[in-house]
Amino acid sequence: MVKLIGILSVMAACILAGYMESRKLGARVRELEAFYSFLCLTREEIRYSRLPVERIIEKHGKSQKFLALCTEYCHKGESFPQAWKHGMDDGLLTTGLNRQDIEYIRDFGLGFGASDTEGQLAHCQMYIGFISNALTHAREEKDKKAKLYFMLGLFGGIAAALLLS
């Protein structure tokens, strides 16, 4: 009986590991889609209303945790670049984003609000292109690998169960 429980536990752990890896790919796509949407809204907000960066993030950044945290840090009196950095440090821990995605987001924040309107529009457009490419790659990766990871976990669990029995 104990052996059966152990075998089932190993199988469950393998299946769960595959499932979690599969979910990370989906989480990355969702985060990139949300940031892409934020960038597009930001570009239009700069073009038509010329609000300060803190207000733009407060208005359009509710869909992502790190943007909401950035707004909170700005309200506490931190400078925008420092608030952006703190928001990223606290809000991007479990998002599934890879190192390149995080660098794009960090670099966007470092240059956001640092130039005139035309410079900000060009800055937003440049990062829309970067995030669009990353999003395309993330979707392709998810389509190719999500089922693979789940199936590897499932069959790895079955193989482990057979070896242990």
N, C-alpha and C. Protein backbone atom coordinates (compact mmCIF):
# COMPACT_ATOMS: atom_id res chain seq x y z
N MET A 1 0.82 -1.19 0.00
CA MET A 1 0.00 0.00 0.00
C MET A 1 0.87 1.26 0.00
N VAL A 2 1.94 1.26 0.81
CA VAL A 2 2.84 2.40 0.88
C VAL A 2 3.54 2.59 -0.45
N LYS A 3 3.90 1.47 -1.08
CA LYS A 3 4.57 1.54 -2.37
C LYS A 3 3.65 2.16 -3.42
N LEU A 4 2.38 1.82 -3.41
CA LEU A 4 1.41 2.37 -4.35
C LEU A 4 1.25 3.87 -4.15
N ILE A 5 1.21 4.30 -2.91
CA ILE A 5 1.09 5.73 -2.60
C ILE A 5 2.34 6.46 -3.09
N GLY A 6 3.50 5.89 -2.90
CA GLY A 6 4.74 6.48 -3.38
C GLY A 6 4.77 6.60 -4.90
N ILE A 7 4.35 5.53 -5.58
CA ILE A 7 4.32 5.54 -7.04
C ILE A 7 3.35 6.62 -7.54
N LEU A 8 2.17 6.69 -6.94
CA LEU A 8 1.20 7.71 -7.35
C LEU A 8 1.70 9.12 -7.06
N SER A 9 2.42 9.28 -5.98
CA SER A 9 3.00 10.58 -5.65
C SER A 9 4.04 11.01 -6.67
N VAL A 10 4.90 10.08 -7.08
CA VAL A 10 5.91 10.38 -8.10
C VAL A 10 5.23 10.73 -9.42
N MET A 11 4.21 9.97 -9.79
CA MET A 11 3.48 10.26 -11.02
C MET A 11 2.85 11.65 -10.96
N ALA A 12 2.21 11.95 -9.85
CA ALA A 12 1.56 13.25 -9.70
C ALA A 12 2.59 14.38 -9.77
N ALA A 13 3.75 14.19 -9.17
CA ALA A 13 4.79 15.22 -9.19
C ALA A 13 5.28 15.46 -10.62
N CYS A 14 5.48 14.40 -11.38
CA CYS A 14 5.93 14.54 -12.77
C CYS A 14 4.88 15.24 -13.62
N ILE A 15 3.64 14.84 -13.46
CA ILE A 15 2.56 15.47 -14.22
C ILE A 15 2.44 16.94 -13.85
N LEU A 16 2.52 17.24 -12.57
CA LEU A 16 2.43 18.62 -12.11
C LEU A 16 3.59 19.46 -12.65
N ALA A 17 4.78 18.89 -12.68
CA ALA A 17 5.94 19.63 -13.21
C ALA A 17 5.73 19.97 -14.69
N GLY A 18 5.24 19.03 -15.46
CA GLY A 18 4.95 19.29 -16.87
C GLY A 18 3.87 20.33 -17.05
N TYR A 19 2.85 20.24 -16.23
CA TYR A 19 1.74 21.20 -16.29
C TYR A 19 2.22 22.61 -15.94
N MET A 20 3.05 22.72 -14.92
CA MET A 20 3.55 24.04 -14.51
C MET A 20 4.42 24.68 -15.59
N GLU A 21 5.25 23.89 -16.24
CA GLU A 21 6.06 24.42 -17.33
C GLU A 21 5.18 24.87 -18.49
N SER A 22 4.15 24.13 -18.75
CA SER A 22 3.19 24.50 -19.80
C SER A 22 2.50 25.81 -19.45
N ARG A 23 2.12 25.99 -18.21
CA ARG A 23 1.45 27.22 -17.77
C ARG A 23 2.36 28.44 -17.84
N LYS A 24 3.65 28.25 -17.61
CA LYS A 24 4.59 29.38 -17.70
C LYS A 24 4.58 29.99 -19.10
N LEU A 25 4.47 29.14 -20.11
CA LEU A 25 4.45 29.65 -21.48
C LEU A 25 3.20 30.50 -21.73
N GLY A 26 2.07 30.06 -21.21
CA GLY A 26 0.84 30.83 -21.34
C GLY A 26 0.89 32.13 -20.56
N ALA A 27 1.52 32.09 -19.39
CA ALA A 27 1.64 33.30 -18.57
C ALA A 27 2.51 34.34 -19.27
N ARG A 28 3.56 33.88 -19.92
CA ARG A 28 4.43 34.81 -20.66
C ARG A 28 3.65 35.50 -21.77
N VAL A 29 2.86 34.75 -22.51
CA VAL A 29 2.06 35.33 -23.59
C VAL A 29 1.09 36.36 -23.02
N ARG A 30 0.41 36.03 -21.92
CA ARG A 30 -0.55 36.97 -21.32
C ARG A 30 0.13 38.25 -20.85
N GLU A 31 1.29 38.12 -20.22
CA GLU A 31 2.00 39.30 -19.73
C GLU A 31 2.46 40.19 -20.89
N LEU A 32 2.99 39.57 -21.94
CA LEU A 32 3.43 40.35 -23.09
C LEU A 32 2.25 41.02 -23.80
N GLU A 33 1.13 40.33 -23.89
CA GLU A 33 -0.07 40.93 -24.50
C GLU A 33 -0.52 42.15 -23.69
N ALA A 34 -0.51 42.01 -22.38
CA ALA A 34 -0.93 43.13 -21.52
C ALA A 34 0.03 44.30 -21.65
N PHE A 35 1.32 44.03 -21.71
CA PHE A 35 2.28 45.13 -21.84
C PHE A 35 2.19 45.76 -23.23
N TYR A 36 1.97 44.96 -24.26
CA TYR A 36 1.80 45.49 -25.61
C TYR A 36 0.59 46.43 -25.65
N SER A 37 -0.49 46.00 -25.04
CA SER A 37 -1.69 46.84 -24.97
C SER A 37 -1.40 48.14 -24.23
N PHE A 38 -0.69 48.03 -23.12
CA PHE A 38 -0.30 49.21 -22.36
C PHE A 38 0.53 50.16 -23.22
N LEU A 39 1.48 49.63 -23.99
CA LEU A 39 2.31 50.48 -24.83
C LEU A 39 1.48 51.21 -25.90
N CYS A 40 0.55 50.50 -26.50
CA CYS A 40 -0.30 51.14 -27.52
C CYS A 40 -1.17 52.23 -26.91
N LEU A 41 -1.75 51.96 -25.76
CA LEU A 41 -2.55 52.98 -25.07
C LEU A 41 -1.69 54.17 -24.65
N THR A 42 -0.49 53.88 -24.19
CA THR A 42 0.43 54.94 -23.77
C THR A 42 0.80 55.83 -24.93
N ARG A 43 1.09 55.22 -26.08
CA ARG A 43 1.44 56.01 -27.26
C ARG A 43 0.31 56.97 -27.63
N GLU A 44 -0.91 56.46 -27.62
CA GLU A 44 -2.05 57.32 -27.98
C GLU A 44 -2.30 58.38 -26.91
N GLU A 45 -2.09 58.03 -25.68
CA GLU A 45 -2.28 58.99 -24.59
C GLU A 45 -1.26 60.13 -24.70
N ILE A 46 -0.03 59.79 -25.03
CA ILE A 46 1.00 60.82 -25.21
C ILE A 46 0.64 61.71 -26.40
N ARG A 47 0.20 61.08 -27.46
CA ARG A 47 -0.11 61.82 -28.69
C ARG A 47 -1.25 62.82 -28.47
N TYR A 48 -2.29 62.42 -27.73
CA TYR A 48 -3.48 63.25 -27.67
C TYR A 48 -3.68 64.02 -26.37
N SER A 49 -3.21 63.51 -25.26
CA SER A 49 -3.49 64.21 -24.00
C SER A 49 -2.26 64.81 -23.35
N ARG A 50 -1.11 64.25 -23.62
CA ARG A 50 0.16 64.74 -23.06
C ARG A 50 0.15 64.78 -21.54
N LEU A 51 -0.38 63.72 -20.96
CA LEU A 51 -0.39 63.58 -19.51
C LEU A 51 1.01 63.24 -19.01
N PRO A 52 1.33 63.51 -17.75
CA PRO A 52 2.61 63.08 -17.19
C PRO A 52 2.66 61.54 -17.13
N VAL A 53 3.87 61.01 -17.14
CA VAL A 53 4.04 59.55 -17.20
C VAL A 53 3.39 58.85 -16.01
N GLU A 54 3.47 59.44 -14.84
CA GLU A 54 2.87 58.82 -13.66
C GLU A 54 1.36 58.67 -13.83
N ARG A 55 0.74 59.68 -14.41
CA ARG A 55 -0.71 59.65 -14.61
C ARG A 55 -1.09 58.63 -15.70
N ILE A 56 -0.27 58.52 -16.74
CA ILE A 56 -0.53 57.54 -17.79
C ILE A 56 -0.48 56.12 -17.22
N ILE A 57 0.52 55.86 -16.41
CA ILE A 57 0.64 54.52 -15.82
C ILE A 57 -0.51 54.26 -14.86
N GLU A 58 -0.89 55.26 -14.10
CA GLU A 58 -2.03 55.09 -13.19
C GLU A 58 -3.31 54.81 -13.97
N LYS A 59 -3.48 55.46 -15.10
CA LYS A 59 -4.70 55.32 -15.90
C LYS A 59 -4.76 54.00 -16.66
N HIS A 60 -3.63 53.55 -17.22
CA HIS A 60 -3.65 52.39 -18.11
C HIS A 60 -2.89 51.17 -17.59
N GLY A 61 -2.28 51.26 -16.43
CA GLY A 61 -1.44 50.17 -15.96
C GLY A 61 -2.07 49.25 -14.96
N LYS A 62 -3.38 49.23 -14.87
CA LYS A 62 -4.05 48.41 -13.87
C LYS A 62 -4.02 46.92 -14.19
N SER A 63 -3.74 46.58 -15.44
CA SER A 63 -3.80 45.17 -15.83
C SER A 63 -2.54 44.39 -15.45
N GLN A 64 -1.50 45.09 -15.06
CA GLN A 64 -0.26 44.41 -14.69
C GLN A 64 0.19 44.84 -13.30
N LYS A 65 0.59 43.86 -12.52
CA LYS A 65 0.94 44.11 -11.12
C LYS A 65 2.09 45.11 -10.99
N PHE A 66 3.13 44.97 -11.82
CA PHE A 66 4.29 45.84 -11.64
C PHE A 66 3.95 47.30 -11.98
N LEU A 67 3.01 47.54 -12.88
CA LEU A 67 2.61 48.91 -13.19
C LEU A 67 1.80 49.51 -12.04
N ALA A 68 0.95 48.70 -11.44
CA ALA A 68 0.19 49.16 -10.27
C ALA A 68 1.14 49.49 -9.12
N LEU A 69 2.15 48.64 -8.94
CA LEU A 69 3.14 48.91 -7.89
C LEU A 69 3.94 50.17 -8.20
N CYS A 70 4.26 50.38 -9.45
CA CYS A 70 4.97 51.59 -9.87
C CYS A 70 4.15 52.83 -9.50
N THR A 71 2.86 52.78 -9.75
CA THR A 71 1.97 53.89 -9.40
C THR A 71 1.99 54.13 -7.89
N GLU A 72 1.94 53.05 -7.11
CA GLU A 72 1.97 53.19 -5.65
C GLU A 72 3.27 53.85 -5.19
N TYR A 73 4.39 53.42 -5.76
CA TYR A 73 5.68 54.01 -5.38
C TYR A 73 5.76 55.48 -5.78
N CYS A 74 5.17 55.84 -6.92
CA CYS A 74 5.14 57.25 -7.32
C CYS A 74 4.32 58.07 -6.33
N HIS A 75 3.18 57.52 -5.86
CA HIS A 75 2.35 58.22 -4.88
C HIS A 75 3.06 58.38 -3.54
N LYS A 76 3.99 57.47 -3.26
CA LYS A 76 4.74 57.57 -2.01
C LYS A 76 5.88 58.59 -2.11
N GLY A 77 6.07 59.16 -3.29
CA GLY A 77 7.06 60.21 -3.44
C GLY A 77 8.35 59.82 -4.14
N GLU A 78 8.43 58.60 -4.62
CA GLU A 78 9.65 58.19 -5.33
C GLU A 78 9.67 58.79 -6.72
N SER A 79 10.86 59.00 -7.25
CA SER A 79 10.98 59.47 -8.62
C SER A 79 10.48 58.37 -9.56
N PHE A 80 10.08 58.76 -10.77
CA PHE A 80 9.53 57.77 -11.68
C PHE A 80 10.51 56.64 -11.99
N PRO A 81 11.77 56.92 -12.36
CA PRO A 81 12.67 55.79 -12.66
C PRO A 81 12.85 54.84 -11.48
N GLN A 82 12.93 55.39 -10.28
CA GLN A 82 13.07 54.54 -9.09
C GLN A 82 11.80 53.74 -8.83
N ALA A 83 10.65 54.36 -9.03
CA ALA A 83 9.37 53.67 -8.84
C ALA A 83 9.22 52.56 -9.87
N TRP A 84 9.64 52.81 -11.11
CA TRP A 84 9.59 51.79 -12.17
C TRP A 84 10.44 50.59 -11.78
N LYS A 85 11.66 50.87 -11.31
CA LYS A 85 12.57 49.79 -10.92
C LYS A 85 11.98 48.99 -9.76
N HIS A 86 11.48 49.67 -8.74
CA HIS A 86 10.88 48.95 -7.60
C HIS A 86 9.66 48.15 -8.02
N GLY A 87 8.83 48.73 -8.87
CA GLY A 87 7.65 48.01 -9.35
C GLY A 87 8.03 46.75 -10.10
N MET A 88 9.08 46.84 -10.92
CA MET A 88 9.54 45.65 -11.66
C MET A 88 10.11 44.61 -10.71
N ASP A 89 10.92 45.06 -9.75
CA ASP A 89 11.53 44.12 -8.81
C ASP A 89 10.49 43.35 -8.01
N ASP A 90 9.41 44.04 -7.63
CA ASP A 90 8.38 43.41 -6.80
C ASP A 90 7.28 42.72 -7.61
N GLY A 91 7.04 43.16 -8.84
CA GLY A 91 5.87 42.69 -9.57
C GLY A 91 6.12 41.74 -10.71
N LEU A 92 7.38 41.49 -11.07
CA LEU A 92 7.65 40.60 -12.20
C LEU A 92 8.28 39.28 -11.78
N LEU A 93 8.15 38.92 -10.53
CA LEU A 93 8.81 37.72 -10.03
C LEU A 93 8.22 36.43 -10.60
N THR A 94 6.92 36.35 -10.71
CA THR A 94 6.27 35.09 -11.10
C THR A 94 5.44 35.24 -12.37
N THR A 95 5.95 35.98 -13.33
CA THR A 95 5.16 36.26 -14.52
C THR A 95 5.45 35.34 -15.68
N GLY A 96 6.53 34.60 -15.64
CA GLY A 96 6.87 33.72 -16.75
C GLY A 96 7.69 34.42 -17.82
N LEU A 97 7.96 35.70 -17.65
CA LEU A 97 8.74 36.43 -18.64
C LEU A 97 10.19 35.97 -18.62
N ASN A 98 10.82 35.94 -19.78
CA ASN A 98 12.23 35.58 -19.82
C ASN A 98 13.11 36.82 -19.63
N ARG A 99 14.40 36.63 -19.60
CA ARG A 99 15.33 37.71 -19.33
C ARG A 99 15.23 38.83 -20.37
N GLN A 100 15.09 38.47 -21.64
CA GLN A 100 15.00 39.48 -22.70
C GLN A 100 13.73 40.33 -22.55
N ASP A 101 12.63 39.70 -22.22
CA ASP A 101 11.37 40.43 -22.02
C ASP A 101 11.52 41.43 -20.89
N ILE A 102 12.12 41.01 -19.80
CA ILE A 102 12.30 41.88 -18.64
C ILE A 102 13.24 43.04 -18.99
N GLU A 103 14.26 42.77 -19.79
CA GLU A 103 15.16 43.85 -20.22
C GLU A 103 14.42 44.87 -21.06
N TYR A 104 13.55 44.42 -21.96
CA TYR A 104 12.76 45.36 -22.76
C TYR A 104 11.90 46.24 -21.87
N ILE A 105 11.25 45.64 -20.91
CA ILE A 105 10.38 46.40 -20.01
C ILE A 105 11.19 47.37 -19.16
N ARG A 106 12.33 46.90 -18.64
CA ARG A 106 13.19 47.78 -17.84
C ARG A 106 13.68 48.96 -18.67
N ASP A 107 14.16 48.68 -19.88
CA ASP A 107 14.70 49.73 -20.72
C ASP A 107 13.62 50.72 -21.17
N PHE A 108 12.41 50.23 -21.39
CA PHE A 108 11.32 51.14 -21.72
C PHE A 108 11.12 52.14 -20.59
N GLY A 109 11.07 51.64 -19.37
CA GLY A 109 10.84 52.51 -18.22
C GLY A 109 11.96 53.51 -18.00
N LEU A 110 13.19 53.12 -18.31
CA LEU A 110 14.31 54.04 -18.12
C LEU A 110 14.23 55.23 -19.07
N GLY A 111 13.69 55.03 -20.27
CA GLY A 111 13.59 56.12 -21.22
C GLY A 111 12.25 56.81 -21.26
N PHE A 112 11.28 56.27 -20.53
CA PHE A 112 9.93 56.82 -20.57
C PHE A 112 9.88 58.13 -19.79
N GLY A 113 9.41 59.18 -20.44
CA GLY A 113 9.30 60.48 -19.80
C GLY A 113 10.58 61.29 -19.83
N ALA A 114 11.58 60.83 -20.57
CA ALA A 114 12.88 61.50 -20.55
C ALA A 114 13.09 62.45 -21.73
N SER A 115 12.08 62.60 -22.60
CA SER A 115 12.26 63.49 -23.75
C SER A 115 10.95 64.20 -24.07
N ASP A 116 10.95 64.94 -25.17
CA ASP A 116 9.75 65.66 -25.58
C ASP A 116 8.70 64.71 -26.16
N THR A 117 7.59 65.24 -26.59
CA THR A 117 6.48 64.43 -27.07
C THR A 117 6.87 63.56 -28.25
N GLU A 118 7.54 64.14 -29.23
CA GLU A 118 7.95 63.36 -30.40
C GLU A 118 8.92 62.25 -30.01
N GLY A 119 9.83 62.56 -29.10
CA GLY A 119 10.76 61.54 -28.62
C GLY A 119 10.05 60.42 -27.89
N GLN A 120 9.02 60.76 -27.12
CA GLN A 120 8.25 59.75 -26.40
C GLN A 120 7.45 58.87 -27.35
N LEU A 121 6.90 59.49 -28.39
CA LEU A 121 6.16 58.71 -29.39
C LEU A 121 7.09 57.73 -30.09
N ALA A 122 8.29 58.20 -30.45
CA ALA A 122 9.26 57.31 -31.10
C ALA A 122 9.70 56.21 -30.14
N HIS A 123 9.90 56.56 -28.87
CA HIS A 123 10.29 55.59 -27.84
C HIS A 123 9.22 54.50 -27.71
N CYS A 124 7.95 54.91 -27.63
CA CYS A 124 6.85 53.94 -27.53
C CYS A 124 6.79 53.07 -28.77
N GLN A 125 6.93 53.67 -29.94
CA GLN A 125 6.84 52.91 -31.18
C GLN A 125 7.96 51.87 -31.27
N MET A 126 9.15 52.26 -30.84
CA MET A 126 10.27 51.32 -30.87
C MET A 126 9.99 50.11 -29.97
N TYR A 127 9.50 50.35 -28.77
CA TYR A 127 9.24 49.25 -27.85
C TYR A 127 7.99 48.46 -28.23
N ILE A 128 7.06 49.08 -28.92
CA ILE A 128 5.93 48.32 -29.46
C ILE A 128 6.46 47.28 -30.44
N GLY A 129 7.43 47.67 -31.26
CA GLY A 129 8.04 46.72 -32.19
C GLY A 129 8.77 45.60 -31.47
N PHE A 130 9.54 45.95 -30.45
CA PHE A 130 10.27 44.93 -29.69
C PHE A 130 9.31 43.94 -29.04
N ILE A 131 8.29 44.46 -28.37
CA ILE A 131 7.35 43.60 -27.65
C ILE A 131 6.51 42.79 -28.64
N SER A 132 6.19 43.38 -29.77
CA SER A 132 5.44 42.65 -30.80
C SER A 132 6.24 41.43 -31.28
N ASN A 133 7.52 41.62 -31.52
CA ASN A 133 8.37 40.49 -31.92
C ASN A 133 8.46 39.44 -30.82
N ALA A 134 8.64 39.89 -29.58
CA ALA A 134 8.72 38.96 -28.46
C ALA A 134 7.40 38.21 -28.29
N LEU A 135 6.30 38.91 -28.50
CA LEU A 135 4.98 38.29 -28.37
C LEU A 135 4.76 37.23 -29.46
N THR A 136 5.17 37.53 -30.67
CA THR A 136 5.06 36.56 -31.76
C THR A 136 5.87 35.31 -31.43
N HIS A 137 7.09 35.52 -30.95
CA HIS A 137 7.94 34.39 -30.58
C HIS A 137 7.34 33.60 -29.42
N ALA A 138 6.79 34.30 -28.43
CA ALA A 138 6.19 33.63 -27.27
C ALA A 138 4.98 32.80 -27.68
N ARG A 139 4.18 33.32 -28.58
CA ARG A 139 3.01 32.55 -29.04
C ARG A 139 3.45 31.30 -29.80
N GLU A 140 4.46 31.44 -30.65
CA GLU A 140 4.97 30.28 -31.38
C GLU A 140 5.53 29.23 -30.42
N GLU A 141 6.28 29.71 -29.43
CA GLU A 141 6.86 28.80 -28.44
C GLU A 141 5.76 28.09 -27.65
N LYS A 142 4.73 28.83 -27.28
CA LYS A 142 3.62 28.23 -26.53
C LYS A 142 2.92 27.17 -27.39
N ASP A 143 2.67 27.50 -28.65
CA ASP A 143 2.00 26.53 -29.53
C ASP A 143 2.82 25.26 -29.71
N LYS A 144 4.14 25.41 -29.78
CA LYS A 144 5.01 24.26 -30.01
C LYS A 144 5.28 23.44 -28.75
N LYS A 145 5.43 24.12 -27.64
CA LYS A 145 5.96 23.45 -26.46
C LYS A 145 4.97 23.17 -25.33
N ALA A 146 3.84 23.85 -25.28
CA ALA A 146 2.94 23.69 -24.14
C ALA A 146 2.45 22.25 -24.00
N LYS A 147 1.97 21.68 -25.08
CA LYS A 147 1.51 20.28 -25.02
C LYS A 147 2.68 19.33 -24.78
N LEU A 148 3.82 19.66 -25.37
CA LEU A 148 5.01 18.82 -25.20
C LEU A 148 5.38 18.71 -23.72
N TYR A 149 5.43 19.84 -23.02
CA TYR A 149 5.80 19.81 -21.60
C TYR A 149 4.81 18.99 -20.79
N PHE A 150 3.53 19.19 -21.06
CA PHE A 150 2.52 18.42 -20.32
C PHE A 150 2.67 16.94 -20.60
N MET A 151 2.84 16.59 -21.86
CA MET A 151 2.96 15.16 -22.22
C MET A 151 4.25 14.56 -21.66
N LEU A 152 5.34 15.33 -21.66
CA LEU A 152 6.58 14.83 -21.06
C LEU A 152 6.40 14.55 -19.58
N GLY A 153 5.70 15.44 -18.89
CA GLY A 153 5.41 15.20 -17.48
C GLY A 153 4.56 13.96 -17.27
N LEU A 154 3.53 13.83 -18.10
CA LEU A 154 2.65 12.66 -18.00
C LEU A 154 3.41 11.36 -18.26
N PHE A 155 4.12 11.31 -19.38
CA PHE A 155 4.83 10.07 -19.72
C PHE A 155 6.03 9.83 -18.81
N GLY A 156 6.65 10.90 -18.33
CA GLY A 156 7.73 10.74 -17.34
C GLY A 156 7.20 10.13 -16.06
N GLY A 157 6.00 10.58 -15.65
CA GLY A 157 5.37 10.01 -14.46
C GLY A 157 5.02 8.55 -14.64
N ILE A 158 4.50 8.21 -15.82
CA ILE A 158 4.18 6.81 -16.11
C ILE A 158 5.43 5.95 -16.11
N ALA A 159 6.50 6.47 -16.76
CA ALA A 159 7.77 5.73 -16.81
C ALA A 159 8.34 5.52 -15.41
N ALA A 160 8.29 6.58 -14.59
CA ALA A 160 8.78 6.45 -13.23
C ALA A 160 7.96 5.42 -12.45
N ALA A 161 6.65 5.43 -12.65
CA ALA A 161 5.79 4.48 -11.96
C ALA A 161 6.11 3.05 -12.38
N LEU A 162 6.36 2.85 -13.66
CA LEU A 162 6.71 1.51 -14.14
C LEU A 162 8.05 1.05 -13.57
N LEU A 163 9.00 1.98 -13.50
CA LEU A 163 10.32 1.61 -12.96
C LEU A 163 10.25 1.30 -11.46
N LEU A 164 9.39 2.01 -10.75
CA LEU A 164 9.28 1.80 -9.31
C LEU A 164 8.42 0.58 -8.94
N SER A 165 7.60 0.12 -9.85
CA SER A 165 6.71 -1.00 -9.51
C SER A 165 7.37 -2.34 -9.66
